[in-house]
C-alpha atoms as a PDB file:
ATOM      1  CA  MET A   1       8.171 -58.793 -32.315  1.00  0.00           C
ATOM      2  CA  ASN A   2       9.621 -56.614 -35.018  1.00  0.00           C
ATOM      3  CA  PRO A   3       9.272 -52.882 -34.150  1.00  0.00           C
ATOM      4  CA  ARG A   4       7.966 -52.195 -37.671  1.00  0.00           C
ATOM      5  CA  TYR A   5       5.013 -54.497 -37.055  1.00  0.00           C
ATOM      6  CA  ILE A   6       4.221 -52.716 -33.811  1.00  0.00           C
ATOM      7  CA  VAL A   7       4.220 -49.368 -35.620  1.00  0.00           C
ATOM      8  CA  LEU A   8       1.997 -50.779 -38.390  1.00  0.00           C
ATOM      9  CA  ILE A   9      -0.433 -52.260 -35.876  1.00  0.00           C
ATOM     10  CA  LEU A  10      -0.630 -48.979 -33.952  1.00  0.00           C
ATOM     11  CA  ALA A  11      -1.161 -47.043 -37.190  1.00  0.00           C
ATOM     12  CA  ALA A  12      -3.948 -49.412 -38.254  1.00  0.00           C
ATOM     13  CA  LEU A  13      -5.639 -49.126 -34.868  1.00  0.00           C
ATOM     14  CA  SER A  14      -5.395 -45.333 -35.035  1.00  0.00           C
ATOM     15  CA  VAL A  15      -7.038 -45.279 -38.462  1.00  0.00           C
ATOM     16  CA  ALA A  16      -9.773 -47.651 -37.320  1.00  0.00           C
ATOM     17  CA  PHE A  17     -10.462 -45.541 -34.244  1.00  0.00           C
ATOM     18  CA  PHE A  18     -10.595 -42.355 -36.365  1.00  0.00           C
ATOM     19  CA  VAL A  19     -13.032 -43.926 -38.832  1.00  0.00           C
ATOM     20  CA  TYR A  20     -15.246 -45.196 -36.001  1.00  0.00           C
ATOM     21  CA  ARG A  21     -15.269 -41.779 -34.281  1.00  0.00           C
ATOM     22  CA  GLN A  22     -15.883 -39.962 -37.565  1.00  0.00           C
ATOM     23  CA  PHE A  23     -18.637 -42.147 -38.950  1.00  0.00           C
ATOM     24  CA  GLY A  24     -19.986 -43.995 -35.915  1.00  0.00           C
ATOM     25  CA  GLN A  25     -21.701 -47.309 -36.001  1.00  0.00           C
ATOM     26  CA  ALA A  26     -23.739 -48.377 -38.989  1.00  0.00           C
ATOM     27  CA  GLU A  27     -27.469 -47.765 -38.735  1.00  0.00           C
ATOM     28  CA  PRO A  28     -29.671 -50.842 -38.231  1.00  0.00           C
ATOM     29  CA  GLU A  29     -31.355 -52.314 -41.300  1.00  0.00           C
ATOM     30  CA  GLY A  30     -34.211 -50.109 -42.479  1.00  0.00           C
ATOM     31  CA  VAL A  31     -32.683 -46.966 -40.934  1.00  0.00           C
ATOM     32  CA  THR A  32     -31.155 -44.188 -43.021  1.00  0.00           C
ATOM     33  CA  ALA A  33     -29.218 -41.308 -41.448  1.00  0.00           C
ATOM     34  CA  VAL A  34     -30.190 -37.927 -42.899  1.00  0.00           C
ATOM     35  CA  SER A  35     -29.260 -34.302 -42.329  1.00  0.00           C
ATOM     36  CA  ALA A  36     -31.879 -31.716 -41.418  1.00  0.00           C
ATOM     37  CA  VAL A  37     -31.843 -30.333 -44.975  1.00  0.00           C
ATOM     38  CA  GLN A  38     -32.358 -33.822 -46.406  1.00  0.00           C
ATOM     39  CA  ALA A  39     -35.109 -34.507 -43.849  1.00  0.00           C
ATOM     40  CA  GLN A  40     -36.964 -31.364 -44.907  1.00  0.00           C
ATOM     41  CA  ALA A  41     -36.659 -32.364 -48.568  1.00  0.00           C
ATOM     42  CA  ASP A  42     -37.913 -35.881 -47.800  1.00  0.00           C
ATOM     43  CA  LEU A  43     -40.892 -34.484 -45.873  1.00  0.00           C
ATOM     44  CA  ALA A  44     -41.748 -32.164 -48.772  1.00  0.00           C
ATOM     45  CA  ALA A  45     -41.487 -35.025 -51.276  1.00  0.00           C
ATOM     46  CA  ASP A  46     -43.504 -37.531 -49.244  1.00  0.00           C
ATOM     47  CA  PRO A  47     -46.321 -36.148 -47.085  1.00  0.00           C
ATOM     48  CA  ASP A  48     -46.953 -39.639 -45.681  1.00  0.00           C
ATOM     49  CA  ILE A  49     -43.715 -39.618 -43.661  1.00  0.00           C
ATOM     50  CA  ARG A  50     -44.610 -39.515 -39.978  1.00  0.00           C
ATOM     51  CA  VAL A  51     -42.457 -37.349 -37.723  1.00  0.00           C
ATOM     52  CA  LEU A  52     -41.434 -38.562 -34.253  1.00  0.00           C
ATOM     53  CA  ASP A  53     -39.784 -36.217 -31.780  1.00  0.00           C
ATOM     54  CA  ILE A  54     -38.333 -38.374 -29.032  1.00  0.00           C
ATOM     55  CA  ARG A  55     -37.280 -35.542 -26.704  1.00  0.00           C
ATOM     56  CA  THR A  56     -38.942 -34.791 -23.383  1.00  0.00           C
ATOM     57  CA  PRO A  57     -42.338 -33.043 -23.405  1.00  0.00           C
ATOM     58  CA  ALA A  58     -40.662 -29.856 -22.112  1.00  0.00           C
ATOM     59  CA  GLU A  59     -38.156 -29.897 -24.988  1.00  0.00           C
ATOM     60  CA  PHE A  60     -40.970 -30.630 -27.446  1.00  0.00           C
ATOM     61  CA  ALA A  61     -42.931 -27.607 -26.168  1.00  0.00           C
ATOM     62  CA  GLU A  62     -39.946 -25.335 -26.903  1.00  0.00           C
ATOM     63  CA  GLY A  63     -40.354 -26.047 -30.622  1.00  0.00           C
ATOM     64  CA  HIS A  64     -40.647 -29.040 -32.918  1.00  0.00           C
ATOM     65  CA  VAL A  65     -40.988 -30.020 -36.566  1.00  0.00           C
ATOM     66  CA  ARG A  66     -44.513 -29.415 -37.865  1.00  0.00           C
ATOM     67  CA  GLY A  67     -46.760 -32.449 -37.380  1.00  0.00           C
ATOM     68  CA  ALA A  68     -44.401 -34.234 -34.992  1.00  0.00           C
ATOM     69  CA  LEU A  69     -45.675 -36.736 -32.461  1.00  0.00           C
ATOM     70  CA  ASN A  70     -43.838 -36.627 -29.137  1.00  0.00           C
ATOM     71  CA  ILE A  71     -42.785 -39.986 -27.654  1.00  0.00           C
ATOM     72  CA  ASP A  72     -40.211 -39.413 -24.923  1.00  0.00           C
ATOM     73  CA  PHE A  73     -37.230 -41.768 -25.272  1.00  0.00           C
ATOM     74  CA  LEU A  74     -36.546 -41.397 -21.552  1.00  0.00           C
ATOM     75  CA  SER A  75     -40.021 -42.556 -20.528  1.00  0.00           C
ATOM     76  CA  ALA A  76     -40.478 -46.050 -19.119  1.00  0.00           C
ATOM     77  CA  ASP A  77     -43.062 -46.915 -21.790  1.00  0.00           C
ATOM     78  CA  PHE A  78     -41.060 -45.759 -24.838  1.00  0.00           C
ATOM     79  CA  ALA A  79     -40.813 -49.196 -26.489  1.00  0.00           C
ATOM     80  CA  GLU A  80     -44.435 -49.979 -25.656  1.00  0.00           C
ATOM     81  CA  ARG A  81     -45.630 -46.741 -27.279  1.00  0.00           C
ATOM     82  CA  LEU A  82     -43.469 -47.374 -30.354  1.00  0.00           C
ATOM     83  CA  GLY A  83     -44.886 -50.876 -30.572  1.00  0.00           C
ATOM     84  CA  LYS A  84     -48.355 -49.415 -31.125  1.00  0.00           C
ATOM     85  CA  LEU A  85     -47.248 -47.598 -34.286  1.00  0.00           C
ATOM     86  CA  ASP A  86     -47.479 -48.932 -37.853  1.00  0.00           C
ATOM     87  CA  ARG A  87     -44.145 -50.636 -38.468  1.00  0.00           C
ATOM     88  CA  ASP A  88     -44.536 -50.391 -42.256  1.00  0.00           C
ATOM     89  CA  ALA A  89     -45.026 -46.610 -42.329  1.00  0.00           C
ATOM     90  CA  ALA A  90     -42.106 -44.258 -42.997  1.00  0.00           C
ATOM     91  CA  TYR A  91     -40.850 -42.214 -40.025  1.00  0.00           C
ATOM     92  CA  LEU A  92     -38.511 -39.283 -39.507  1.00  0.00           C
ATOM     93  CA  VAL A  93     -37.062 -39.527 -35.988  1.00  0.00           C
ATOM     94  CA  TYR A  94     -35.072 -36.923 -34.107  1.00  0.00           C
ATOM     95  CA  CYS A  95     -34.026 -35.763 -30.646  1.00  0.00           C
ATOM     96  CA  ARG A  96     -31.984 -32.742 -29.550  1.00  0.00           C
ATOM     97  CA  SER A  97     -28.519 -33.647 -30.795  1.00  0.00           C
ATOM     98  CA  GLY A  98     -28.774 -37.168 -32.210  1.00  0.00           C
ATOM     99  CA  ASN A  99     -27.568 -39.027 -29.128  1.00  0.00           C
ATOM    100  CA  ARG A 100     -30.914 -40.321 -27.840  1.00  0.00           C
ATOM    101  CA  SER A 101     -32.239 -40.984 -31.323  1.00  0.00           C
ATOM    102  CA  ALA A 102     -29.102 -42.990 -32.192  1.00  0.00           C
ATOM    103  CA  ARG A 103     -29.766 -45.197 -29.155  1.00  0.00           C
ATOM    104  CA  ALA A 104     -33.453 -45.389 -30.101  1.00  0.00           C
ATOM    105  CA  MET A 105     -32.609 -46.789 -33.544  1.00  0.00           C
ATOM    106  CA  LYS A 106     -31.833 -50.128 -31.883  1.00  0.00           C
ATOM    107  CA  VAL A 107     -35.365 -50.183 -30.479  1.00  0.00           C
ATOM    108  CA  PHE A 108     -36.842 -49.348 -33.892  1.00  0.00           C
ATOM    109  CA  GLY A 109     -34.799 -52.164 -35.419  1.00  0.00           C
ATOM    110  CA  ARG A 110     -35.749 -54.648 -32.708  1.00  0.00           C
ATOM    111  CA  LEU A 111     -39.446 -53.818 -33.187  1.00  0.00           C
ATOM    112  CA  GLY A 112     -39.221 -54.358 -36.945  1.00  0.00           C
ATOM    113  CA  PHE A 113     -39.629 -50.839 -38.301  1.00  0.00           C
ATOM    114  CA  SER A 114     -38.537 -50.964 -41.926  1.00  0.00           C
ATOM    115  CA  ARG A 115     -38.459 -47.316 -43.078  1.00  0.00           C
ATOM    116  CA  VAL A 116     -36.858 -44.918 -40.600  1.00  0.00           C
ATOM    117  CA  LEU A 117     -35.085 -41.673 -41.437  1.00  0.00           C
ATOM    118  CA  HIS A 118     -32.816 -40.782 -38.535  1.00  0.00           C
ATOM    119  CA  MET A 119     -32.055 -37.057 -38.353  1.00  0.00           C
ATOM    120  CA  SER A 120     -28.648 -37.884 -36.954  1.00  0.00           C
ATOM    121  CA  LYS A 121     -27.678 -34.422 -35.700  1.00  0.00           C
ATOM    122  CA  GLY A 122     -31.067 -33.740 -34.152  1.00  0.00           C
ATOM    123  CA  ILE A 123     -33.185 -30.637 -33.900  1.00  0.00           C
ATOM    124  CA  ARG A 124     -30.024 -28.600 -33.350  1.00  0.00           C
ATOM    125  CA  ASP A 125     -29.123 -29.223 -36.994  1.00  0.00           C
ATOM    126  CA  TRP A 126     -32.665 -28.242 -38.034  1.00  0.00           C
ATOM    127  CA  GLN A 127     -32.418 -24.985 -36.090  1.00  0.00           C
ATOM    128  CA  GLY A 128     -28.883 -24.356 -37.306  1.00  0.00           C
ATOM    129  CA  GLN A 129     -30.118 -24.533 -40.895  1.00  0.00           C
ATOM    130  CA  GLY A 130     -32.821 -21.954 -40.102  1.00  0.00           C
ATOM    131  CA  LEU A 131     -35.637 -24.414 -40.786  1.00  0.00           C
ATOM    132  CA  PRO A 132     -39.073 -23.670 -39.267  1.00  0.00           C
ATOM    133  CA  LEU A 133     -40.289 -24.944 -35.911  1.00  0.00           C
ATOM    134  CA  VAL A 134     -43.747 -24.823 -34.385  1.00  0.00           C
ATOM    135  CA  LYS A 135     -44.647 -24.461 -30.716  1.00  0.00           C
END
């Protein structure tokens, strides 16, 4: 194989890897990634958005977004509890850093939720922006 082709292939793979690492996987249909600032604006604009904190109960007790319902992603009945919610309602979902909630988006998609705002950098972003928490 021509060495130029090898260099081009390696360069293309490097770019693809960078883009994947930078932007991650696409959100499932019906899911929109939002920052903490955008989440706060969306909550102010639409009081019908339901807030789901999917951290552990101990994390939730340390401080959460006003009005949040706590459904622990790590609990054995997470999908069952989500399944009892109105799939047509709008939800803002977050965890601590965005890792658990990113994994949870697959469950939301599988269950047919159609309007989910995923606070992709978690409550850490909320706190970092100086936004209010309740205990």
